[in-house]
C-alpha atoms as a PDB file:
ATOM      1  CA  MET A   1       3.072  57.981 112.090  1.00  0.00           C
ATOM      2  CA  SER A   2       4.475  61.038 110.767  1.00  0.00           C
ATOM      3  CA  THR A   3       2.473  62.154 107.301  1.00  0.00           C
ATOM      4  CA  VAL A   4       5.647  61.792 105.278  1.00  0.00           C
ATOM      5  CA  ARG A   5       6.516  58.238 106.499  1.00  0.00           C
ATOM      6  CA  ARG A   6       2.895  57.082 105.408  1.00  0.00           C
ATOM      7  CA  SER A   7       2.945  59.029 102.131  1.00  0.00           C
ATOM      8  CA  ALA A   8       6.378  56.513 101.261  1.00  0.00           C
ATOM      9  CA  LEU A   9       4.245  53.533 102.122  1.00  0.00           C
ATOM     10  CA  VAL A  10       1.644  54.119  99.922  1.00  0.00           C
ATOM     11  CA  LEU A  11       4.272  54.991  97.045  1.00  0.00           C
ATOM     12  CA  THR A  12       6.620  52.010  97.688  1.00  0.00           C
ATOM     13  CA  ALA A  13       2.996  50.087  97.635  1.00  0.00           C
ATOM     14  CA  LEU A  14       1.725  51.296  94.295  1.00  0.00           C
ATOM     15  CA  SER A  15       5.317  50.774  92.829  1.00  0.00           C
ATOM     16  CA  ALA A  16       5.319  47.007  93.502  1.00  0.00           C
ATOM     17  CA  LEU A  17       1.454  46.880  92.513  1.00  0.00           C
ATOM     18  CA  ALA A  18       2.520  48.417  88.682  1.00  0.00           C
ATOM     19  CA  LEU A  19       5.754  45.517  88.549  1.00  0.00           C
ATOM     20  CA  THR A  20       3.374  42.857  89.214  1.00  0.00           C
ATOM     21  CA  GLY A  21       0.873  43.797  86.389  1.00  0.00           C
ATOM     22  CA  CYS A  22       3.709  43.900  83.875  1.00  0.00           C
ATOM     23  CA  GLY A  23       5.121  41.057  83.974  1.00  0.00           C
ATOM     24  CA  PRO A  24       2.180  38.547  82.544  1.00  0.00           C
ATOM     25  CA  ALA A  25       2.275  41.183  79.703  1.00  0.00           C
ATOM     26  CA  GLU A  26       5.769  41.190  78.538  1.00  0.00           C
ATOM     27  CA  ASP A  27       5.600  37.946  78.444  1.00  0.00           C
ATOM     28  CA  ASP A  28       3.327  37.667  76.495  1.00  0.00           C
ATOM     29  CA  ALA A  29       4.389  40.379  74.053  1.00  0.00           C
ATOM     30  CA  ALA A  30       7.973  38.242  74.236  1.00  0.00           C
ATOM     31  CA  GLY A  31       6.734  34.795  72.790  1.00  0.00           C
ATOM     32  CA  GLY A  32       5.383  32.920  75.347  1.00  0.00           C
ATOM     33  CA  THR A  33       4.044  29.810  75.174  1.00  0.00           C
ATOM     34  CA  GLY A  34       2.003  31.716  72.164  1.00  0.00           C
ATOM     35  CA  THR A  35       2.181  29.296  68.654  1.00  0.00           C
ATOM     36  CA  THR A  36       3.183  31.077  64.912  1.00  0.00           C
ATOM     37  CA  PRO A  37       0.567  30.202  62.127  1.00  0.00           C
ATOM     38  CA  THR A  38       2.385  28.286  59.550  1.00  0.00           C
ATOM     39  CA  ALA A  39       1.949  29.800  56.154  1.00  0.00           C
ATOM     40  CA  SER A  40      -0.202  27.372  54.215  1.00  0.00           C
ATOM     41  CA  PRO A  41       1.574  26.362  51.180  1.00  0.00           C
ATOM     42  CA  SER A  42       1.255  27.193  47.581  1.00  0.00           C
ATOM     43  CA  ALA A  43      -1.109  25.703  44.738  1.00  0.00           C
ATOM     44  CA  THR A  44       0.655  24.224  42.803  1.00  0.00           C
ATOM     45  CA  PRO A  45      -1.189  23.440  39.592  1.00  0.00           C
ATOM     46  CA  SER A  46      -1.541  20.117  38.454  1.00  0.00           C
ATOM     47  CA  LYS A  47       0.100  19.023  34.133  1.00  0.00           C
ATOM     48  CA  THR A  48      -1.810  16.565  32.666  1.00  0.00           C
ATOM     49  CA  PRO A  49       1.639  15.598  30.718  1.00  0.00           C
ATOM     50  CA  SER A  50       1.188  15.508  26.948  1.00  0.00           C
ATOM     51  CA  THR A  51       0.435  12.358  25.102  1.00  0.00           C
ATOM     52  CA  PRO A  52       2.496  11.973  22.511  1.00  0.00           C
ATOM     53  CA  SER A  53       0.805  11.467  18.116  1.00  0.00           C
ATOM     54  CA  THR A  54       0.739   8.319  16.801  1.00  0.00           C
ATOM     55  CA  PRO A  55       2.111   8.635  13.478  1.00  0.00           C
ATOM     56  CA  SER A  56       0.079   7.549  10.431  1.00  0.00           C
ATOM     57  CA  ALA A  57      -0.089   4.029   9.471  1.00  0.00           C
ATOM     58  CA  GLY A  58       0.319   4.604   6.071  1.00  0.00           C
ATOM     59  CA  GLY A  59       3.155   7.038   5.971  1.00  0.00           C
ATOM     60  CA  SER A  60       4.360   8.202   2.857  1.00  0.00           C
ATOM     61  CA  SER A  61       4.519   5.552  -0.491  1.00  0.00           C
ATOM     62  CA  SER A  62       3.736   3.373  -3.633  1.00  0.00           C
ATOM     63  CA  GLY A  63       2.308   4.015  -6.003  1.00  0.00           C
ATOM     64  CA  GLY A  64       1.867   4.218  -5.141  1.00  0.00           C
ATOM     65  CA  GLY A  65       2.531   4.183  -6.113  1.00  0.00           C
ATOM     66  CA  SER A  66       0.831   1.913  -4.939  1.00  0.00           C
ATOM     67  CA  SER A  67       3.589  -1.618  -3.600  1.00  0.00           C
ATOM     68  CA  ALA A  68       0.964  -4.020  -4.028  1.00  0.00           C
ATOM     69  CA  ASP A  69       1.018  -4.208  -7.681  1.00  0.00           C
ATOM     70  CA  HIS A  70       5.213  -4.994  -6.917  1.00  0.00           C
ATOM     71  CA  ASP A  71       4.026  -8.287  -6.382  1.00  0.00           C
ATOM     72  CA  VAL A  72       1.854  -9.342  -9.620  1.00  0.00           C
ATOM     73  CA  PHE A  73       4.099 -11.507 -12.142  1.00  0.00           C
ATOM     74  CA  PRO A  74       4.174 -12.089 -15.361  1.00  0.00           C
ATOM     75  CA  CYS A  75       1.242 -14.742 -16.185  1.00  0.00           C
ATOM     76  CA  SER A  76       2.908 -17.804 -17.384  1.00  0.00           C
ATOM     77  CA  THR A  77       1.480 -20.966 -19.324  1.00  0.00           C
ATOM     78  CA  HIS A  78       1.166 -21.966 -16.118  1.00  0.00           C
ATOM     79  CA  ASP A  79      -0.858 -20.218 -15.006  1.00  0.00           C
ATOM     80  CA  VAL A  80      -3.887 -19.759 -17.420  1.00  0.00           C
ATOM     81  CA  THR A  81      -6.141 -21.491 -20.034  1.00  0.00           C
ATOM     82  CA  PHE A  82      -5.513 -21.403 -23.514  1.00  0.00           C
ATOM     83  CA  THR A  83      -7.679 -21.202 -26.465  1.00  0.00           C
ATOM     84  CA  ALA A  84      -8.283 -20.197 -29.968  1.00  0.00           C
ATOM     85  CA  SER A  85     -11.460 -19.392 -32.184  1.00  0.00           C
ATOM     86  CA  LEU A  86     -11.195 -18.689 -36.477  1.00  0.00           C
ATOM     87  CA  ALA A  87     -12.439 -14.877 -36.228  1.00  0.00           C
ATOM     88  CA  GLU A  88     -11.750 -14.342 -39.846  1.00  0.00           C
ATOM     89  CA  PRO A  89     -12.206 -16.868 -42.475  1.00  0.00           C
ATOM     90  CA  THR A  90     -11.430 -15.248 -44.914  1.00  0.00           C
ATOM     91  CA  THR A  91      -8.350 -13.597 -44.015  1.00  0.00           C
ATOM     92  CA  SER A  92      -7.705 -17.423 -41.537  1.00  0.00           C
ATOM     93  CA  SER A  93      -7.348 -15.201 -38.712  1.00  0.00           C
ATOM     94  CA  TYR A  94      -7.676 -16.810 -35.007  1.00  0.00           C
ATOM     95  CA  LEU A  95      -8.619 -14.949 -32.038  1.00  0.00           C
ATOM     96  CA  LEU A  96      -6.529 -16.194 -28.973  1.00  0.00           C
ATOM     97  CA  LYS A  97      -8.104 -16.007 -25.513  1.00  0.00           C
ATOM     98  CA  VAL A  98      -6.142 -16.775 -22.260  1.00  0.00           C
ATOM     99  CA  THR A  99      -8.139 -17.110 -18.411  1.00  0.00           C
ATOM    100  CA  ASN A 100      -6.403 -16.943 -15.237  1.00  0.00           C
ATOM    101  CA  ARG A 101      -6.888 -19.781 -13.795  1.00  0.00           C
ATOM    102  CA  SER A 102      -4.790 -19.254 -10.544  1.00  0.00           C
ATOM    103  CA  THR A 103      -5.330 -18.101  -7.396  1.00  0.00           C
ATOM    104  CA  LYS A 104      -3.786 -14.452  -7.528  1.00  0.00           C
ATOM    105  CA  ALA A 105      -3.000 -11.907  -9.761  1.00  0.00           C
ATOM    106  CA  CYS A 106      -0.889 -12.617 -13.109  1.00  0.00           C
ATOM    107  CA  ARG A 107       0.094 -10.098 -15.174  1.00  0.00           C
ATOM    108  CA  ALA A 108      -0.737 -10.551 -19.478  1.00  0.00           C
ATOM    109  CA  LEU A 109       3.588  -9.079 -20.403  1.00  0.00           C
ATOM    110  CA  GLY A 110       3.494  -7.752 -24.139  1.00  0.00           C
ATOM    111  CA  HIS A 111       2.392  -9.830 -27.119  1.00  0.00           C
ATOM    112  CA  PRO A 112       1.556 -13.974 -26.620  1.00  0.00           C
ATOM    113  CA  VAL A 113       4.752 -16.432 -28.019  1.00  0.00           C
ATOM    114  CA  VAL A 114       2.730 -18.007 -31.045  1.00  0.00           C
ATOM    115  CA  THR A 115       4.668 -21.034 -33.714  1.00  0.00           C
ATOM    116  CA  PHE A 116       2.746 -23.154 -36.572  1.00  0.00           C
ATOM    117  CA  GLY A 117       2.746 -27.204 -36.102  1.00  0.00           C
ATOM    118  CA  ASP A 118       5.819 -28.204 -37.436  1.00  0.00           C
ATOM    119  CA  LEU A 119       6.810 -25.442 -39.268  1.00  0.00           C
ATOM    120  CA  ASP A 120       9.982 -23.305 -37.611  1.00  0.00           C
ATOM    121  CA  GLY A 121       9.797 -19.654 -36.379  1.00  0.00           C
ATOM    122  CA  GLN A 122       7.483 -17.548 -34.763  1.00  0.00           C
ATOM    123  CA  ALA A 123       4.358 -15.601 -35.958  1.00  0.00           C
ATOM    124  CA  THR A 124       5.557 -11.044 -35.941  1.00  0.00           C
ATOM    125  CA  GLU A 125       4.635  -8.633 -33.043  1.00  0.00           C
ATOM    126  CA  ARG A 126       1.987  -6.169 -34.634  1.00  0.00           C
ATOM    127  CA  GLY A 127       1.318  -2.716 -32.536  1.00  0.00           C
ATOM    128  CA  THR A 128       3.153  -2.056 -28.912  1.00  0.00           C
ATOM    129  CA  ALA A 129       2.444  -3.702 -25.893  1.00  0.00           C
ATOM    130  CA  PRO A 130       2.922  -1.268 -22.432  1.00  0.00           C
ATOM    131  CA  GLY A 131       5.812  -2.348 -20.596  1.00  0.00           C
ATOM    132  CA  ILE A 132       5.003  -4.614 -17.350  1.00  0.00           C
ATOM    133  CA  GLU A 133       3.953  -1.729 -14.792  1.00  0.00           C
ATOM    134  CA  ASP A 134       1.131  -1.206 -16.963  1.00  0.00           C
ATOM    135  CA  ALA A 135       1.227  -4.603 -18.620  1.00  0.00           C
ATOM    136  CA  LEU A 136      -2.969  -5.902 -17.935  1.00  0.00           C
ATOM    137  CA  ARG A 137      -3.977  -7.261 -14.803  1.00  0.00           C
ATOM    138  CA  LEU A 138      -5.717 -10.669 -14.606  1.00  0.00           C
ATOM    139  CA  GLU A 139      -7.225 -11.479 -11.811  1.00  0.00           C
ATOM    140  CA  PRO A 140      -8.416 -14.853 -11.020  1.00  0.00           C
ATOM    141  CA  GLY A 141     -11.343 -16.253 -13.318  1.00  0.00           C
ATOM    142  CA  GLU A 142     -10.202 -12.983 -15.841  1.00  0.00           C
ATOM    143  CA  SER A 143      -9.313 -13.137 -19.178  1.00  0.00           C
ATOM    144  CA  ALA A 144      -6.837 -11.604 -22.011  1.00  0.00           C
ATOM    145  CA  TYR A 145      -7.597 -11.433 -26.085  1.00  0.00           C
ATOM    146  CA  ALA A 146      -4.851 -11.150 -28.841  1.00  0.00           C
ATOM    147  CA  GLY A 147      -5.291 -11.288 -32.881  1.00  0.00           C
ATOM    148  CA  LEU A 148      -3.736 -13.761 -34.581  1.00  0.00           C
ATOM    149  CA  MET A 149      -2.870 -12.788 -38.200  1.00  0.00           C
ATOM    150  CA  GLY A 150      -3.169 -14.784 -41.004  1.00  0.00           C
ATOM    151  CA  GLY A 151      -3.190 -14.260 -44.957  1.00  0.00           C
ATOM    152  CA  ALA A 152      -4.395 -15.564 -48.279  1.00  0.00           C
ATOM    153  CA  ASP A 153      -2.708 -18.196 -49.691  1.00  0.00           C
ATOM    154  CA  ASP A 154      -0.367 -16.912 -52.265  1.00  0.00           C
ATOM    155  CA  GLY A 155       1.941 -19.679 -52.953  1.00  0.00           C
ATOM    156  CA  ARG A 156       4.750 -19.466 -50.631  1.00  0.00           C
ATOM    157  CA  GLY A 157       3.778 -21.036 -47.552  1.00  0.00           C
ATOM    158  CA  ARG A 158       1.177 -23.977 -45.922  1.00  0.00           C
ATOM    159  CA  THR A 159      -1.642 -24.742 -44.244  1.00  0.00           C
ATOM    160  CA  VAL A 160      -1.214 -26.008 -40.315  1.00  0.00           C
ATOM    161  CA  GLY A 161      -3.619 -27.149 -38.341  1.00  0.00           C
ATOM    162  CA  SER A 162      -2.789 -26.236 -35.428  1.00  0.00           C
ATOM    163  CA  ILE A 163      -0.469 -23.763 -33.053  1.00  0.00           C
ATOM    164  CA  ALA A 164       0.920 -23.664 -29.639  1.00  0.00           C
ATOM    165  CA  MET A 165       0.944 -20.360 -27.416  1.00  0.00           C
ATOM    166  CA  THR A 166       3.902 -19.633 -24.398  1.00  0.00           C
ATOM    167  CA  MET A 167       3.426 -16.183 -23.099  1.00  0.00           C
ATOM    168  CA  ASN A 168       5.908 -13.254 -22.583  1.00  0.00           C
ATOM    169  CA  THR A 169       7.224 -13.439 -18.658  1.00  0.00           C
ATOM    170  CA  GLU A 170      11.007 -11.188 -19.502  1.00  0.00           C
ATOM    171  CA  SER A 171      12.756 -14.428 -17.732  1.00  0.00           C
ATOM    172  CA  ASP A 172      14.214 -17.913 -18.441  1.00  0.00           C
ATOM    173  CA  LEU A 173      10.938 -19.301 -16.726  1.00  0.00           C
ATOM    174  CA  GLU A 174      10.745 -22.601 -18.113  1.00  0.00           C
ATOM    175  CA  GLN A 175       7.015 -22.896 -20.219  1.00  0.00           C
ATOM    176  CA  THR A 176       5.039 -25.678 -21.277  1.00  0.00           C
ATOM    177  CA  PRO A 177       3.240 -24.309 -24.658  1.00  0.00           C
ATOM    178  CA  LEU A 178      -0.241 -24.349 -24.475  1.00  0.00           C
ATOM    179  CA  GLY A 179      -2.565 -25.730 -27.936  1.00  0.00           C
ATOM    180  CA  ALA A 180      -4.802 -24.886 -29.995  1.00  0.00           C
ATOM    181  CA  THR A 181      -6.740 -26.900 -33.456  1.00  0.00           C
ATOM    182  CA  THR A 182      -6.367 -23.847 -36.056  1.00  0.00           C
ATOM    183  CA  PRO A 183      -7.702 -25.958 -38.912  1.00  0.00           C
ATOM    184  CA  GLY A 184      -7.194 -23.937 -42.791  1.00  0.00           C
ATOM    185  CA  LEU A 185      -4.218 -21.631 -40.951  1.00  0.00           C
ATOM    186  CA  TYR A 186      -2.473 -20.568 -43.600  1.00  0.00           C
ATOM    187  CA  VAL A 187       0.976 -19.789 -42.447  1.00  0.00           C
ATOM    188  CA  ALA A 188       3.870 -17.861 -44.959  1.00  0.00           C
ATOM    189  CA  PRO A 189       7.274 -15.616 -44.461  1.00  0.00           C
ATOM    190  CA  ASP A 190       6.187 -12.175 -43.215  1.00  0.00           C
ATOM    191  CA  THR A 191       2.080 -12.858 -43.273  1.00  0.00           C
ATOM    192  CA  ASN A 192       1.155 -13.868 -39.376  1.00  0.00           C
ATOM    193  CA  SER A 193       1.476 -11.667 -36.505  1.00  0.00           C
ATOM    194  CA  VAL A 194       0.113 -11.329 -33.669  1.00  0.00           C
ATOM    195  CA  THR A 195      -1.318  -8.519 -31.391  1.00  0.00           C
ATOM    196  CA  PRO A 196      -0.694  -7.308 -27.929  1.00  0.00           C
ATOM    197  CA  TRP A 197      -2.834  -8.932 -25.304  1.00  0.00           C
ATOM    198  CA  VAL A 198      -5.969  -7.095 -24.143  1.00  0.00           C
ATOM    199  CA  ASN A 199      -8.900  -6.942 -22.136  1.00  0.00           C
ATOM    200  CA  ASN A 200     -11.747  -6.676 -25.247  1.00  0.00           C
ATOM    201  CA  VAL A 201     -12.459  -8.825 -28.532  1.00  0.00           C
ATOM    202  CA  GLU A 202     -12.766  -5.957 -31.279  1.00  0.00           C
ATOM    203  CA  ASP A 203      -9.243  -4.202 -29.831  1.00  0.00           C
ATOM    204  CA  ALA A 204      -7.985  -7.934 -30.287  1.00  0.00           C
ATOM    205  CA  LEU A 205      -8.912  -8.242 -33.822  1.00  0.00           C
ATOM    206  CA  SER A 206      -8.605  -4.363 -34.941  1.00  0.00           C
ATOM    207  CA  LEU A 207      -5.077  -3.211 -33.629  1.00  0.00           C
END
């Protein structure tokens, strides 16, 4: 065999080996059966829903002001007991007292309405009474006082042995008058007056 032909065969064999070695590498480069890694999803921070604030139970009132006081009605003779006691013998003045005998609060409003035995007319109002919103509030068992002023015998009037009282309710509510004995009470025109309801004896007799 000539040297030239042997060299050609060697070159041919080398070329074939080179092509065989490159095949698998090209397949891998092209992807072959390799798997592409999947990107992990980005972590999303958890979000706690906000809790709505609870509105205040009190709201805005009344007075307050206090709204409870709007349910406290004027006392009537159905709500109270009544007494009259001699306070000043020389002037024939009496201390009037009412006590709340009901199971709920009421207001002793204005002045008592006082009449004298079988005489016409009633005692005049002495002093200024507070309005209904500021009138004396009586819880069950509490008392209010008023002063019934008498006078000296001037020959123009009469002496009576009893009086009757109804409460001022600023309404047409029908009431049963409450009576009390008043021995020696002298009644004359423009002489007898009554103070508004207050919460103590001293003020009742000095207004």
